[in-house]
Amino acid sequence: LATTVETSNLKPIVHISPIKSSEDDRLHLVALTGGGSRLYLSTRNAGENNPNPRPYCLRLVSIRLPPGFAPSGPTQKPTKVHNGYYKAGLTLLASSPAEAAD
């Protein structure tokens, strides 16, 4: 992870959704964070060939930074994300200055 990324973008986790095998057979879950990041997780080790193994681990595979994140310029990323939705590659984030405003 780049040293310019604030760790506050990676916590807290506000939503977890499964990823269908028809969308990606290597990724199984996506976690949305309060900073707007997406954490992609797998329940098997890299290079494993068995398409239907019983889950025995939870491994972080990839991190996508929030929309609007740019390490070299002013950021216009979501803040205070308190809920999210993920389905078939579409991510929706609900954020507001105060959680009670939605």
C-alpha atoms as a PDB file:
ATOM      1  CA  LEU A   1       0.000   0.000   0.000  1.00  0.00           C
ATOM      2  CA  ALA A   2       1.354   3.430  -0.884  1.00  0.00           C
ATOM      3  CA  THR A   3       2.691   5.473   2.015  1.00  0.00           C
ATOM      4  CA  THR A   4       0.557   8.427   0.878  1.00  0.00           C
ATOM      5  CA  VAL A   5      -2.674   6.584   1.690  1.00  0.00           C
ATOM      6  CA  GLU A   6      -4.286   7.517   4.978  1.00  0.00           C
ATOM      7  CA  THR A   7      -5.187   4.439   7.002  1.00  0.00           C
ATOM      8  CA  SER A   8      -8.464   6.168   7.938  1.00  0.00           C
ATOM      9  CA  ASN A   9      -9.645   5.290   4.390  1.00  0.00           C
ATOM     10  CA  LEU A  10      -9.472   1.618   5.365  1.00  0.00           C
ATOM     11  CA  LYS A  11     -11.651   1.612   8.494  1.00  0.00           C
ATOM     12  CA  PRO A  12     -14.226   0.986   9.833  1.00  0.00           C
ATOM     13  CA  ILE A  13     -15.874  -1.691   7.689  1.00  0.00           C
ATOM     14  CA  VAL A  14     -19.489  -0.599   7.132  1.00  0.00           C
ATOM     15  CA  HIS A  15     -20.720  -3.260   4.677  1.00  0.00           C
ATOM     16  CA  ILE A  16     -19.710  -6.713   3.420  1.00  0.00           C
ATOM     17  CA  SER A  17     -21.174  -8.324   0.287  1.00  0.00           C
ATOM     18  CA  PRO A  18     -20.547 -11.637  -1.449  1.00  0.00           C
ATOM     19  CA  ILE A  19     -19.180 -11.663  -4.991  1.00  0.00           C
ATOM     20  CA  LYS A  20     -20.829 -14.181  -7.314  1.00  0.00           C
ATOM     21  CA  SER A  21     -18.512 -16.757  -8.882  1.00  0.00           C
ATOM     22  CA  SER A  22     -19.861 -15.727 -12.303  1.00  0.00           C
ATOM     23  CA  GLU A  23     -18.415 -12.253 -11.656  1.00  0.00           C
ATOM     24  CA  ASP A  24     -15.013 -13.447 -10.410  1.00  0.00           C
ATOM     25  CA  ASP A  25     -14.016 -16.969  -9.394  1.00  0.00           C
ATOM     26  CA  ARG A  26     -11.011 -15.804  -7.336  1.00  0.00           C
ATOM     27  CA  LEU A  27     -12.725 -13.118  -5.220  1.00  0.00           C
ATOM     28  CA  HIS A  28     -15.478 -13.988  -2.765  1.00  0.00           C
ATOM     29  CA  LEU A  29     -16.250 -10.893  -0.646  1.00  0.00           C
ATOM     30  CA  VAL A  30     -16.013  -7.125  -0.922  1.00  0.00           C
ATOM     31  CA  ALA A  31     -15.902  -4.981   2.216  1.00  0.00           C
ATOM     32  CA  LEU A  32     -16.795  -1.278   2.016  1.00  0.00           C
ATOM     33  CA  THR A  33     -15.135   1.018   4.532  1.00  0.00           C
ATOM     34  CA  GLY A  34     -16.134   4.246   6.230  1.00  0.00           C
ATOM     35  CA  GLY A  35     -13.504   6.048   4.145  1.00  0.00           C
ATOM     36  CA  GLY A  36     -14.982   4.764   0.866  1.00  0.00           C
ATOM     37  CA  SER A  37     -12.357   2.126   0.089  1.00  0.00           C
ATOM     38  CA  ARG A  38     -13.230  -1.337  -1.217  1.00  0.00           C
ATOM     39  CA  LEU A  39     -11.394  -4.341   0.194  1.00  0.00           C
ATOM     40  CA  TYR A  40     -11.566  -7.459  -1.994  1.00  0.00           C
ATOM     41  CA  LEU A  41     -11.205 -10.752  -0.122  1.00  0.00           C
ATOM     42  CA  SER A  42     -10.770 -14.408  -1.070  1.00  0.00           C
ATOM     43  CA  THR A  43     -11.435 -17.580   0.899  1.00  0.00           C
ATOM     44  CA  ARG A  44      -8.688 -19.584  -0.807  1.00  0.00           C
ATOM     45  CA  ASN A  45      -4.970 -19.266  -1.409  1.00  0.00           C
ATOM     46  CA  ALA A  46      -3.504 -17.858  -4.619  1.00  0.00           C
ATOM     47  CA  GLY A  47      -2.906 -20.488  -7.297  1.00  0.00           C
ATOM     48  CA  GLU A  48      -5.396 -22.962  -5.839  1.00  0.00           C
ATOM     49  CA  ASN A  49      -7.108 -24.863  -8.666  1.00  0.00           C
ATOM     50  CA  ASN A  50     -10.091 -26.465  -6.929  1.00  0.00           C
ATOM     51  CA  PRO A  51     -13.125 -24.298  -7.882  1.00  0.00           C
ATOM     52  CA  ASN A  52     -15.261 -25.487  -4.933  1.00  0.00           C
ATOM     53  CA  PRO A  53     -12.967 -25.858  -1.925  1.00  0.00           C
ATOM     54  CA  ARG A  54     -14.355 -25.426   1.542  1.00  0.00           C
ATOM     55  CA  PRO A  55     -13.341 -21.947   2.808  1.00  0.00           C
ATOM     56  CA  TYR A  56     -10.500 -22.179   5.310  1.00  0.00           C
ATOM     57  CA  CYS A  57      -8.932 -18.703   5.226  1.00  0.00           C
ATOM     58  CA  LEU A  58      -9.792 -15.076   4.572  1.00  0.00           C
ATOM     59  CA  ARG A  59      -7.164 -13.312   2.488  1.00  0.00           C
ATOM     60  CA  LEU A  60      -7.006  -9.664   1.417  1.00  0.00           C
ATOM     61  CA  VAL A  61      -6.382  -9.682  -2.343  1.00  0.00           C
ATOM     62  CA  SER A  62      -6.842  -6.075  -3.450  1.00  0.00           C
ATOM     63  CA  ILE A  63      -7.699  -2.596  -2.205  1.00  0.00           C
ATOM     64  CA  ARG A  64      -9.490  -0.022  -4.349  1.00  0.00           C
ATOM     65  CA  LEU A  65      -9.196   3.490  -2.964  1.00  0.00           C
ATOM     66  CA  PRO A  66     -12.235   5.745  -2.702  1.00  0.00           C
ATOM     67  CA  PRO A  67     -13.710   7.439  -5.767  1.00  0.00           C
ATOM     68  CA  GLY A  68     -12.097  10.849  -6.186  1.00  0.00           C
ATOM     69  CA  PHE A  69      -8.844   9.836  -4.496  1.00  0.00           C
ATOM     70  CA  ALA A  70      -5.760  11.324  -6.143  1.00  0.00           C
ATOM     71  CA  PRO A  71      -2.400  11.217  -4.336  1.00  0.00           C
ATOM     72  CA  SER A  72      -1.091  14.256  -6.234  1.00  0.00           C
ATOM     73  CA  GLY A  73      -4.049  16.608  -5.972  1.00  0.00           C
ATOM     74  CA  PRO A  74      -6.888  17.734  -3.768  1.00  0.00           C
ATOM     75  CA  THR A  75      -9.191  14.879  -2.915  1.00  0.00           C
ATOM     76  CA  GLN A  76     -12.937  14.909  -3.387  1.00  0.00           C
ATOM     77  CA  LYS A  77     -13.550  11.519  -1.875  1.00  0.00           C
ATOM     78  CA  PRO A  78     -16.502  10.425   0.246  1.00  0.00           C
ATOM     79  CA  THR A  79     -16.229  10.926   3.993  1.00  0.00           C
ATOM     80  CA  LYS A  80     -18.148   9.398   6.868  1.00  0.00           C
ATOM     81  CA  VAL A  81     -19.574   6.550   4.807  1.00  0.00           C
ATOM     82  CA  HIS A  82     -22.069   4.769   7.034  1.00  0.00           C
ATOM     83  CA  ASN A  83     -23.705   2.309   4.660  1.00  0.00           C
ATOM     84  CA  GLY A  84     -23.081   0.729   1.292  1.00  0.00           C
ATOM     85  CA  TYR A  85     -24.356  -1.633  -1.362  1.00  0.00           C
ATOM     86  CA  TYR A  86     -22.505  -3.856  -3.814  1.00  0.00           C
ATOM     87  CA  LYS A  87     -23.909  -6.036  -6.569  1.00  0.00           C
ATOM     88  CA  ALA A  88     -22.463  -7.182  -9.895  1.00  0.00           C
ATOM     89  CA  GLY A  89     -19.602  -4.669  -9.829  1.00  0.00           C
ATOM     90  CA  LEU A  90     -21.777  -1.704  -8.837  1.00  0.00           C
ATOM     91  CA  THR A  91     -20.883   0.038  -5.574  1.00  0.00           C
ATOM     92  CA  LEU A  92     -23.093   2.595  -3.845  1.00  0.00           C
ATOM     93  CA  LEU A  93     -21.871   4.503  -0.798  1.00  0.00           C
ATOM     94  CA  ALA A  94     -24.100   6.448   1.610  1.00  0.00           C
ATOM     95  CA  SER A  95     -22.314   9.283   3.386  1.00  0.00           C
ATOM     96  CA  SER A  96     -23.237  12.542   5.016  1.00  0.00           C
ATOM     97  CA  PRO A  97     -21.664  15.143   7.313  1.00  0.00           C
ATOM     98  CA  ALA A  98     -23.787  13.711  10.128  1.00  0.00           C
ATOM     99  CA  GLU A  99     -25.138  10.141  10.121  1.00  0.00           C
ATOM    100  CA  ALA A 100     -28.595  11.299  11.256  1.00  0.00           C
ATOM    101  CA  ALA A 101     -28.970  13.539   8.157  1.00  0.00           C
ATOM    102  CA  ASP A 102     -29.866  10.683   5.761  1.00  0.00           C
END
